[in-house]
Amino acid sequence: MEHIKLFYPGLNDCENYRIPSIINTDKGTLIAAIYARVDRAGDNPNNIDKYIRRSMDNGETWEPVQVLVDYPDRGDDGSAACDPAMVQDKETGTIWMIFNHTPAGIGLWNSKPGVGFDKNGYRLLFDPEGNEYTLRENGKVFDSKGQQTDFLVEENGDVVKDNNVIGNIYLKEGPLLEARTSFLQAIKSDDDGLTWSKPIDLNPQVKEEWMGFIGAGPGIGIQITRGKYAGRLVFPIYYNNRQRGHMSCCVIYSDDHGKTWKRGQSPNDGRK
């Protein structure tokens, strides 16, 4: 047996790697994903990115690192994308990866309860005084009374006012910040892992207001191939239960090739 180092300290100027995931696509491509702790070895809060490497020859050689998700800032002030899990939809060819995103300063144990979105699916933002805003189409920001403000939020999270960048919603401090909680997100590839979508937020579909942390059960998902639920995509996840100090696990699943997702029951449901 030959050992091949796919991810190691110093590769791509990254300090530490953990939590691997690997799949073999229907085209015979190996895709290895990893949790890249860029500046230091610790868990989040930390600057953590999502990397992959691809092999077209059964692992004999590997392409350079692709950085799929890179939220802003560095070290303890960096926001994170953690714990990859992948599966390929054999009916459509789409490759899905889910992971957990936390804003700067937030990790497993200090994620506040909440979904981070309002009932209409708009991302919630908060100013330093705790006033609530919603991020809507085309980066427009509305206050709690439904009035449009002078703020705009760009695709990378930058907050713009009077044509000047004055902050970023993913940081630890700033004029407008996203909720201080955890976000379950997904990205997808329709070209065998060559290119990937922007993060897709799953919280509005699978997270409850009483949950604090929510994250992917890292590794791989599955697709059911036989019976009543043939074609269903399934990923394991875990989250804080109502007691906050304990963790629960369950699965999320999609019966429409990833257009929508639902959360299954947990073994902890109903326990005292």
C-alpha atoms as a PDB file:
ATOM      1  CA  MET A   1       0.000   0.000   0.000  1.00  0.00           C
ATOM      2  CA  GLU A   2       1.297   3.442  -0.935  1.00  0.00           C
ATOM      3  CA  HIS A   3       0.398   6.488   1.127  1.00  0.00           C
ATOM      4  CA  ILE A   4      -0.220   9.729  -0.774  1.00  0.00           C
ATOM      5  CA  LYS A   5      -0.353  13.009   1.083  1.00  0.00           C
ATOM      6  CA  LEU A   6      -3.285  14.937  -0.364  1.00  0.00           C
ATOM      7  CA  PHE A   7      -3.477  17.640   2.308  1.00  0.00           C
ATOM      8  CA  TYR A   8      -0.654  18.486   4.694  1.00  0.00           C
ATOM      9  CA  PRO A   9       0.507  21.499   6.752  1.00  0.00           C
ATOM     10  CA  GLY A  10       1.863  24.204   4.490  1.00  0.00           C
ATOM     11  CA  LEU A  11      -0.023  23.110   1.378  1.00  0.00           C
ATOM     12  CA  ASN A  12      -1.669  26.193  -0.139  1.00  0.00           C
ATOM     13  CA  ASP A  13      -0.255  28.183   2.818  1.00  0.00           C
ATOM     14  CA  CYS A  14      -2.678  26.417   5.171  1.00  0.00           C
ATOM     15  CA  GLU A  15      -1.676  25.602   8.749  1.00  0.00           C
ATOM     16  CA  ASN A  16      -3.805  22.524   9.383  1.00  0.00           C
ATOM     17  CA  TYR A  17      -6.291  20.165   7.690  1.00  0.00           C
ATOM     18  CA  ARG A  18      -9.039  17.983   9.199  1.00  0.00           C
ATOM     19  CA  ILE A  19     -12.321  16.219   8.449  1.00  0.00           C
ATOM     20  CA  PRO A  20     -11.873  14.619   4.991  1.00  0.00           C
ATOM     21  CA  SER A  21     -14.563  13.532   2.578  1.00  0.00           C
ATOM     22  CA  ILE A  22     -13.998  11.621  -0.660  1.00  0.00           C
ATOM     23  CA  ILE A  23     -16.273  10.360  -3.424  1.00  0.00           C
ATOM     24  CA  ASN A  24     -15.848   8.611  -6.765  1.00  0.00           C
ATOM     25  CA  THR A  25     -18.046  10.249  -9.411  1.00  0.00           C
ATOM     26  CA  ASP A  26     -19.911   8.523 -12.215  1.00  0.00           C
ATOM     27  CA  LYS A  27     -17.131   9.687 -14.567  1.00  0.00           C
ATOM     28  CA  GLY A  28     -14.499   7.945 -12.444  1.00  0.00           C
ATOM     29  CA  THR A  29     -13.148  11.154 -10.905  1.00  0.00           C
ATOM     30  CA  LEU A  30     -12.017  11.075  -7.293  1.00  0.00           C
ATOM     31  CA  ILE A  31     -12.913  14.241  -5.380  1.00  0.00           C
ATOM     32  CA  ALA A  32     -11.331  14.718  -1.961  1.00  0.00           C
ATOM     33  CA  ALA A  33     -12.715  17.536   0.216  1.00  0.00           C
ATOM     34  CA  ILE A  34     -11.247  18.904   3.434  1.00  0.00           C
ATOM     35  CA  TYR A  35     -11.758  21.358   6.262  1.00  0.00           C
ATOM     36  CA  ALA A  36      -8.841  23.849   5.898  1.00  0.00           C
ATOM     37  CA  ARG A  37      -7.816  25.605   9.125  1.00  0.00           C
ATOM     38  CA  VAL A  38      -5.846  28.276   7.369  1.00  0.00           C
ATOM     39  CA  ASP A  39      -4.146  30.263  10.152  1.00  0.00           C
ATOM     40  CA  ARG A  40      -4.044  27.911  13.128  1.00  0.00           C
ATOM     41  CA  ALA A  41      -4.960  24.367  14.055  1.00  0.00           C
ATOM     42  CA  GLY A  42      -7.966  25.075  16.308  1.00  0.00           C
ATOM     43  CA  ASP A  43     -11.645  24.648  15.583  1.00  0.00           C
ATOM     44  CA  ASN A  44     -13.951  27.579  14.919  1.00  0.00           C
ATOM     45  CA  PRO A  45     -14.034  30.434  15.802  1.00  0.00           C
ATOM     46  CA  ASN A  46     -11.226  30.428  13.245  1.00  0.00           C
ATOM     47  CA  ASN A  47     -10.558  31.153   9.586  1.00  0.00           C
ATOM     48  CA  ILE A  48     -11.692  27.870   8.013  1.00  0.00           C
ATOM     49  CA  ASP A  49     -12.209  27.264   4.287  1.00  0.00           C
ATOM     50  CA  LYS A  50     -13.474  24.462   2.040  1.00  0.00           C
ATOM     51  CA  TYR A  51     -10.884  22.901  -0.296  1.00  0.00           C
ATOM     52  CA  ILE A  52     -10.978  20.012  -2.741  1.00  0.00           C
ATOM     53  CA  ARG A  53      -8.528  18.148  -4.948  1.00  0.00           C
ATOM     54  CA  ARG A  54      -9.500  16.015  -7.960  1.00  0.00           C
ATOM     55  CA  SER A  55      -7.888  12.947  -9.511  1.00  0.00           C
ATOM     56  CA  MET A  56      -8.674  11.694 -13.018  1.00  0.00           C
ATOM     57  CA  ASP A  57      -6.513   8.555 -12.838  1.00  0.00           C
ATOM     58  CA  ASN A  58      -7.751   6.635  -9.789  1.00  0.00           C
ATOM     59  CA  GLY A  59      -5.580   8.595  -7.378  1.00  0.00           C
ATOM     60  CA  GLU A  60      -2.236   8.277  -9.134  1.00  0.00           C
ATOM     61  CA  THR A  61      -2.000  12.058  -9.575  1.00  0.00           C
ATOM     62  CA  TRP A  62      -4.023  14.919  -8.122  1.00  0.00           C
ATOM     63  CA  GLU A  63      -4.897  18.362  -9.395  1.00  0.00           C
ATOM     64  CA  PRO A  64      -3.948  21.481  -7.380  1.00  0.00           C
ATOM     65  CA  VAL A  65      -6.143  22.672  -4.539  1.00  0.00           C
ATOM     66  CA  GLN A  66      -9.451  24.312  -5.441  1.00  0.00           C
ATOM     67  CA  VAL A  67     -10.745  26.779  -2.840  1.00  0.00           C
ATOM     68  CA  LEU A  68     -14.520  26.390  -2.933  1.00  0.00           C
ATOM     69  CA  VAL A  69     -15.649  28.500   0.028  1.00  0.00           C
ATOM     70  CA  ASP A  70     -13.590  31.245   1.671  1.00  0.00           C
ATOM     71  CA  TYR A  71     -15.381  33.537   4.107  1.00  0.00           C
ATOM     72  CA  PRO A  72     -13.570  36.764   5.119  1.00  0.00           C
ATOM     73  CA  ASP A  73     -10.900  37.720   7.673  1.00  0.00           C
ATOM     74  CA  ARG A  74      -8.122  35.748   9.344  1.00  0.00           C
ATOM     75  CA  GLY A  75      -7.366  33.740  12.473  1.00  0.00           C
ATOM     76  CA  ASP A  76      -9.711  34.108  15.445  1.00  0.00           C
ATOM     77  CA  ASP A  77     -11.445  36.945  13.584  1.00  0.00           C
ATOM     78  CA  GLY A  78     -12.142  34.766  10.553  1.00  0.00           C
ATOM     79  CA  SER A  79     -15.511  33.311   9.616  1.00  0.00           C
ATOM     80  CA  ALA A  80     -15.725  29.615   8.889  1.00  0.00           C
ATOM     81  CA  ALA A  81     -16.951  26.897   6.522  1.00  0.00           C
ATOM     82  CA  CYS A  82     -16.545  23.541   8.314  1.00  0.00           C
ATOM     83  CA  ASP A  83     -17.208  19.800   8.076  1.00  0.00           C
ATOM     84  CA  PRO A  84     -17.746  18.770   4.424  1.00  0.00           C
ATOM     85  CA  ALA A  85     -19.973  15.917   3.322  1.00  0.00           C
ATOM     86  CA  MET A  86     -20.518  14.996  -0.341  1.00  0.00           C
ATOM     87  CA  VAL A  87     -22.804  12.864  -2.469  1.00  0.00           C
ATOM     88  CA  GLN A  88     -23.494  12.626  -6.193  1.00  0.00           C
ATOM     89  CA  ASP A  89     -27.015  12.445  -7.528  1.00  0.00           C
ATOM     90  CA  LYS A  90     -26.679   9.561  -9.971  1.00  0.00           C
ATOM     91  CA  GLU A  91     -29.845  10.593 -11.816  1.00  0.00           C
ATOM     92  CA  THR A  92     -28.750  14.172 -12.602  1.00  0.00           C
ATOM     93  CA  GLY A  93     -24.964  13.967 -12.182  1.00  0.00           C
ATOM     94  CA  THR A  94     -24.996  16.887  -9.730  1.00  0.00           C
ATOM     95  CA  ILE A  95     -22.468  16.667  -6.891  1.00  0.00           C
ATOM     96  CA  TRP A  96     -23.650  18.118  -3.590  1.00  0.00           C
ATOM     97  CA  MET A  97     -21.544  19.211  -0.644  1.00  0.00           C
ATOM     98  CA  ILE A  98     -23.031  20.367   2.645  1.00  0.00           C
ATOM     99  CA  PHE A  99     -21.120  22.100   5.430  1.00  0.00           C
ATOM    100  CA  ASN A 100     -21.538  24.343   8.456  1.00  0.00           C
ATOM    101  CA  HIS A 101     -20.905  28.092   8.252  1.00  0.00           C
ATOM    102  CA  THR A 102     -20.366  30.306  11.293  1.00  0.00           C
ATOM    103  CA  PRO A 103     -19.657  34.051  11.334  1.00  0.00           C
ATOM    104  CA  ALA A 104     -16.513  35.411  12.999  1.00  0.00           C
ATOM    105  CA  GLY A 105     -16.362  34.756  16.726  1.00  0.00           C
ATOM    106  CA  ILE A 106     -18.929  31.953  16.629  1.00  0.00           C
ATOM    107  CA  GLY A 107     -18.341  28.238  17.099  1.00  0.00           C
ATOM    108  CA  LEU A 108     -20.055  25.107  18.336  1.00  0.00           C
ATOM    109  CA  TRP A 109     -20.813  26.168  21.897  1.00  0.00           C
ATOM    110  CA  ASN A 110     -21.642  29.854  21.529  1.00  0.00           C
ATOM    111  CA  SER A 111     -23.944  29.669  18.499  1.00  0.00           C
ATOM    112  CA  LYS A 112     -27.110  31.452  19.568  1.00  0.00           C
ATOM    113  CA  PRO A 113     -30.528  29.891  18.948  1.00  0.00           C
ATOM    114  CA  GLY A 114     -32.166  30.968  15.736  1.00  0.00           C
ATOM    115  CA  VAL A 115     -32.569  30.293  12.030  1.00  0.00           C
ATOM    116  CA  GLY A 116     -31.002  33.573  10.880  1.00  0.00           C
ATOM    117  CA  PHE A 117     -33.818  34.242   8.384  1.00  0.00           C
ATOM    118  CA  ASP A 118     -37.285  35.751   8.712  1.00  0.00           C
ATOM    119  CA  LYS A 119     -40.538  33.991   7.796  1.00  0.00           C
ATOM    120  CA  ASN A 120     -40.207  35.193   4.196  1.00  0.00           C
ATOM    121  CA  GLY A 121     -36.760  33.667   3.816  1.00  0.00           C
ATOM    122  CA  TYR A 122     -34.826  36.941   3.990  1.00  0.00           C
ATOM    123  CA  ARG A 123     -31.501  36.918   5.834  1.00  0.00           C
ATOM    124  CA  LEU A 124     -31.609  38.778   9.139  1.00  0.00           C
ATOM    125  CA  LEU A 125     -29.009  41.458   9.838  1.00  0.00           C
ATOM    126  CA  PHE A 126     -28.370  43.388  13.056  1.00  0.00           C
ATOM    127  CA  ASP A 127     -26.704  46.696  13.819  1.00  0.00           C
ATOM    128  CA  PRO A 128     -24.524  47.262  16.948  1.00  0.00           C
ATOM    129  CA  GLU A 129     -27.615  48.289  18.960  1.00  0.00           C
ATOM    130  CA  GLY A 130     -29.409  45.054  18.068  1.00  0.00           C
ATOM    131  CA  ASN A 131     -31.883  46.599  15.652  1.00  0.00           C
ATOM    132  CA  GLU A 132     -33.129  44.104  13.082  1.00  0.00           C
ATOM    133  CA  TYR A 133     -32.906  44.421   9.298  1.00  0.00           C
ATOM    134  CA  THR A 134     -33.556  42.111   6.359  1.00  0.00           C
ATOM    135  CA  LEU A 135     -31.327  41.506   3.358  1.00  0.00           C
ATOM    136  CA  ARG A 136     -33.454  41.251   0.226  1.00  0.00           C
ATOM    137  CA  GLU A 137     -33.107  40.949  -3.529  1.00  0.00           C
ATOM    138  CA  ASN A 138     -30.229  42.743  -5.258  1.00  0.00           C
ATOM    139  CA  GLY A 139     -28.477  43.351  -1.936  1.00  0.00           C
ATOM    140  CA  LYS A 140     -31.049  45.850  -0.697  1.00  0.00           C
ATOM    141  CA  VAL A 141     -31.422  46.231   3.075  1.00  0.00           C
ATOM    142  CA  PHE A 142     -34.727  47.013   4.763  1.00  0.00           C
ATOM    143  CA  ASP A 143     -35.368  48.053   8.377  1.00  0.00           C
ATOM    144  CA  SER A 144     -37.866  46.397  10.745  1.00  0.00           C
ATOM    145  CA  LYS A 145     -40.630  48.707   9.492  1.00  0.00           C
ATOM    146  CA  GLY A 146     -40.145  47.555   5.916  1.00  0.00           C
ATOM    147  CA  GLN A 147     -38.428  50.728   4.742  1.00  0.00           C
ATOM    148  CA  GLN A 148     -35.458  50.488   2.407  1.00  0.00           C
ATOM    149  CA  THR A 149     -32.226  51.848   3.914  1.00  0.00           C
ATOM    150  CA  ASP A 150     -29.105  53.403   2.411  1.00  0.00           C
ATOM    151  CA  PHE A 151     -27.173  50.166   2.928  1.00  0.00           C
ATOM    152  CA  LEU A 152     -26.381  47.651   0.220  1.00  0.00           C
ATOM    153  CA  VAL A 153     -24.782  44.231   0.736  1.00  0.00           C
ATOM    154  CA  GLU A 154     -22.645  42.784  -2.028  1.00  0.00           C
ATOM    155  CA  GLU A 155     -22.425  39.090  -2.906  1.00  0.00           C
ATOM    156  CA  ASN A 156     -19.269  38.636  -0.801  1.00  0.00           C
ATOM    157  CA  GLY A 157     -20.969  40.147   2.259  1.00  0.00           C
ATOM    158  CA  ASP A 158     -19.433  43.622   2.003  1.00  0.00           C
ATOM    159  CA  VAL A 159     -21.665  46.355   3.431  1.00  0.00           C
ATOM    160  CA  VAL A 160     -21.756  49.442   1.204  1.00  0.00           C
ATOM    161  CA  LYS A 161     -23.039  52.922   1.995  1.00  0.00           C
ATOM    162  CA  ASP A 162     -22.534  56.018  -0.179  1.00  0.00           C
ATOM    163  CA  ASN A 163     -20.421  53.868  -2.536  1.00  0.00           C
ATOM    164  CA  ASN A 164     -17.970  53.022   0.285  1.00  0.00           C
ATOM    165  CA  VAL A 165     -17.368  49.591   1.794  1.00  0.00           C
ATOM    166  CA  ILE A 166     -17.898  50.041   5.546  1.00  0.00           C
ATOM    167  CA  GLY A 167     -17.964  46.460   6.805  1.00  0.00           C
ATOM    168  CA  ASN A 168     -18.880  42.852   6.069  1.00  0.00           C
ATOM    169  CA  ILE A 169     -21.827  40.896   7.464  1.00  0.00           C
ATOM    170  CA  TYR A 170     -19.677  37.827   8.234  1.00  0.00           C
ATOM    171  CA  LEU A 171     -17.216  39.622  10.542  1.00  0.00           C
ATOM    172  CA  LYS A 172     -17.100  39.981  14.316  1.00  0.00           C
ATOM    173  CA  GLU A 173     -17.928  43.694  14.387  1.00  0.00           C
ATOM    174  CA  GLY A 174     -19.444  46.139  11.929  1.00  0.00           C
ATOM    175  CA  PRO A 175     -22.447  48.267  11.005  1.00  0.00           C
ATOM    176  CA  LEU A 176     -24.510  45.240   9.953  1.00  0.00           C
ATOM    177  CA  LEU A 177     -23.865  41.591  10.856  1.00  0.00           C
ATOM    178  CA  GLU A 178     -25.633  38.331  10.163  1.00  0.00           C
ATOM    179  CA  ALA A 179     -27.153  36.456  13.121  1.00  0.00           C
ATOM    180  CA  ARG A 180     -24.627  35.054  15.594  1.00  0.00           C
ATOM    181  CA  THR A 181     -25.639  31.473  14.973  1.00  0.00           C
ATOM    182  CA  SER A 182     -24.737  28.494  12.766  1.00  0.00           C
ATOM    183  CA  PHE A 183     -25.835  28.028   9.176  1.00  0.00           C
ATOM    184  CA  LEU A 184     -26.147  24.744   7.323  1.00  0.00           C
ATOM    185  CA  GLN A 185     -25.183  25.438   3.724  1.00  0.00           C
ATOM    186  CA  ALA A 186     -24.698  23.550   0.462  1.00  0.00           C
ATOM    187  CA  ILE A 187     -22.790  24.006  -2.752  1.00  0.00           C
ATOM    188  CA  LYS A 188     -23.203  21.972  -5.929  1.00  0.00           C
ATOM    189  CA  SER A 189     -21.301  21.119  -9.097  1.00  0.00           C
ATOM    190  CA  ASP A 190     -22.789  20.096 -12.434  1.00  0.00           C
ATOM    191  CA  ASP A 191     -19.471  19.546 -14.219  1.00  0.00           C
ATOM    192  CA  ASP A 192     -17.793  16.764 -12.229  1.00  0.00           C
ATOM    193  CA  GLY A 193     -16.341  19.113  -9.621  1.00  0.00           C
ATOM    194  CA  LEU A 194     -14.651  21.588 -11.983  1.00  0.00           C
ATOM    195  CA  THR A 195     -16.817  24.516 -10.880  1.00  0.00           C
ATOM    196  CA  TRP A 196     -19.159  24.985  -7.935  1.00  0.00           C
ATOM    197  CA  SER A 197     -22.118  27.157  -7.028  1.00  0.00           C
ATOM    198  CA  LYS A 198     -22.198  29.871  -4.412  1.00  0.00           C
ATOM    199  CA  PRO A 199     -23.341  28.707  -0.933  1.00  0.00           C
ATOM    200  CA  ILE A 200     -27.029  27.851  -0.693  1.00  0.00           C
ATOM    201  CA  ASP A 201     -28.591  28.366   2.751  1.00  0.00           C
ATOM    202  CA  LEU A 202     -30.549  25.392   4.091  1.00  0.00           C
ATOM    203  CA  ASN A 203     -31.460  26.860   7.499  1.00  0.00           C
ATOM    204  CA  PRO A 204     -34.913  28.120   6.420  1.00  0.00           C
ATOM    205  CA  GLN A 205     -35.832  24.558   5.431  1.00  0.00           C
ATOM    206  CA  VAL A 206     -34.194  22.404   8.117  1.00  0.00           C
ATOM    207  CA  LYS A 207     -33.343  24.479  11.222  1.00  0.00           C
ATOM    208  CA  GLU A 208     -35.660  25.423  14.115  1.00  0.00           C
ATOM    209  CA  GLU A 209     -35.557  28.647  16.112  1.00  0.00           C
ATOM    210  CA  TRP A 210     -34.606  26.756  19.292  1.00  0.00           C
ATOM    211  CA  MET A 211     -31.497  25.246  17.688  1.00  0.00           C
ATOM    212  CA  GLY A 212     -28.145  26.902  18.279  1.00  0.00           C
ATOM    213  CA  PHE A 213     -25.445  25.007  16.417  1.00  0.00           C
ATOM    214  CA  ILE A 214     -26.257  22.974  13.300  1.00  0.00           C
ATOM    215  CA  GLY A 215     -23.663  21.159  11.225  1.00  0.00           C
ATOM    216  CA  ALA A 216     -23.025  18.448   8.672  1.00  0.00           C
ATOM    217  CA  GLY A 217     -22.227  14.950   9.840  1.00  0.00           C
ATOM    218  CA  PRO A 218     -18.971  15.027   7.876  1.00  0.00           C
ATOM    219  CA  GLY A 219     -17.994  12.362   5.379  1.00  0.00           C
ATOM    220  CA  ILE A 220     -20.489  11.368   2.701  1.00  0.00           C
ATOM    221  CA  GLY A 221     -24.188  11.301   2.001  1.00  0.00           C
ATOM    222  CA  ILE A 222     -26.072   8.536   0.202  1.00  0.00           C
ATOM    223  CA  GLN A 223     -28.682   8.242  -2.505  1.00  0.00           C
ATOM    224  CA  ILE A 224     -31.365   5.613  -2.030  1.00  0.00           C
ATOM    225  CA  THR A 225     -31.502   3.418  -5.122  1.00  0.00           C
ATOM    226  CA  ARG A 226     -34.430   1.062  -4.548  1.00  0.00           C
ATOM    227  CA  GLY A 227     -37.945   0.989  -3.182  1.00  0.00           C
ATOM    228  CA  LYS A 228     -40.431   3.716  -2.336  1.00  0.00           C
ATOM    229  CA  TYR A 229     -37.775   6.401  -1.797  1.00  0.00           C
ATOM    230  CA  ALA A 230     -35.492   5.618  -4.737  1.00  0.00           C
ATOM    231  CA  GLY A 231     -33.626   8.735  -5.801  1.00  0.00           C
ATOM    232  CA  ARG A 232     -33.745  10.365  -2.355  1.00  0.00           C
ATOM    233  CA  LEU A 233     -30.566  12.218  -1.325  1.00  0.00           C
ATOM    234  CA  VAL A 234     -29.670  11.802   2.346  1.00  0.00           C
ATOM    235  CA  PHE A 235     -27.092  13.567   4.539  1.00  0.00           C
ATOM    236  CA  PRO A 236     -26.441  13.132   8.275  1.00  0.00           C
ATOM    237  CA  ILE A 237     -26.437  16.305  10.391  1.00  0.00           C
ATOM    238  CA  TYR A 238     -26.216  17.176  14.094  1.00  0.00           C
ATOM    239  CA  TYR A 239     -27.367  20.100  16.232  1.00  0.00           C
ATOM    240  CA  ASN A 240     -27.931  21.425  19.750  1.00  0.00           C
ATOM    241  CA  ASN A 241     -31.134  20.042  21.215  1.00  0.00           C
ATOM    242  CA  ARG A 242     -33.516  21.965  23.477  1.00  0.00           C
ATOM    243  CA  GLN A 243     -31.193  21.586  26.469  1.00  0.00           C
ATOM    244  CA  ARG A 244     -28.417  23.386  24.519  1.00  0.00           C
ATOM    245  CA  GLY A 245     -25.690  21.457  26.339  1.00  0.00           C
ATOM    246  CA  HIS A 246     -26.317  18.226  24.451  1.00  0.00           C
ATOM    247  CA  MET A 247     -26.194  17.211  20.821  1.00  0.00           C
ATOM    248  CA  SER A 248     -28.767  15.465  18.656  1.00  0.00           C
ATOM    249  CA  CYS A 249     -28.364  13.810  15.263  1.00  0.00           C
ATOM    250  CA  CYS A 250     -30.681  13.114  12.359  1.00  0.00           C
ATOM    251  CA  VAL A 251     -30.662  13.311   8.562  1.00  0.00           C
ATOM    252  CA  ILE A 252     -31.784  15.825   6.002  1.00  0.00           C
ATOM    253  CA  TYR A 253     -33.154  14.554   2.720  1.00  0.00           C
ATOM    254  CA  SER A 254     -34.317  15.719  -0.689  1.00  0.00           C
ATOM    255  CA  ASP A 255     -36.798  14.021  -3.001  1.00  0.00           C
ATOM    256  CA  ASP A 256     -36.473  16.603  -5.793  1.00  0.00           C
ATOM    257  CA  HIS A 257     -32.748  16.444  -6.604  1.00  0.00           C
ATOM    258  CA  GLY A 258     -31.756  19.112  -4.089  1.00  0.00           C
ATOM    259  CA  LYS A 259     -34.353  21.772  -4.886  1.00  0.00           C
ATOM    260  CA  THR A 260     -35.815  21.421  -1.393  1.00  0.00           C
ATOM    261  CA  TRP A 261     -34.664  19.702   1.796  1.00  0.00           C
ATOM    262  CA  LYS A 262     -36.436  18.327   4.859  1.00  0.00           C
ATOM    263  CA  ARG A 263     -35.180  17.242   8.273  1.00  0.00           C
ATOM    264  CA  GLY A 264     -35.915  13.783   9.606  1.00  0.00           C
ATOM    265  CA  GLN A 265     -36.554  12.850  13.223  1.00  0.00           C
ATOM    266  CA  SER A 266     -33.807  12.459  15.799  1.00  0.00           C
ATOM    267  CA  PRO A 267     -33.438   9.589  18.292  1.00  0.00           C
ATOM    268  CA  ASN A 268     -33.496  12.336  20.932  1.00  0.00           C
ATOM    269  CA  ASP A 269     -36.936  13.631  19.935  1.00  0.00           C
ATOM    270  CA  GLY A 270     -39.320  13.320  22.871  1.00  0.00           C
ATOM    271  CA  ARG A 271     -36.668  12.457  25.450  1.00  0.00           C
ATOM    272  CA  LYS A 272     -36.811  14.247  28.805  1.00  0.00           C
END
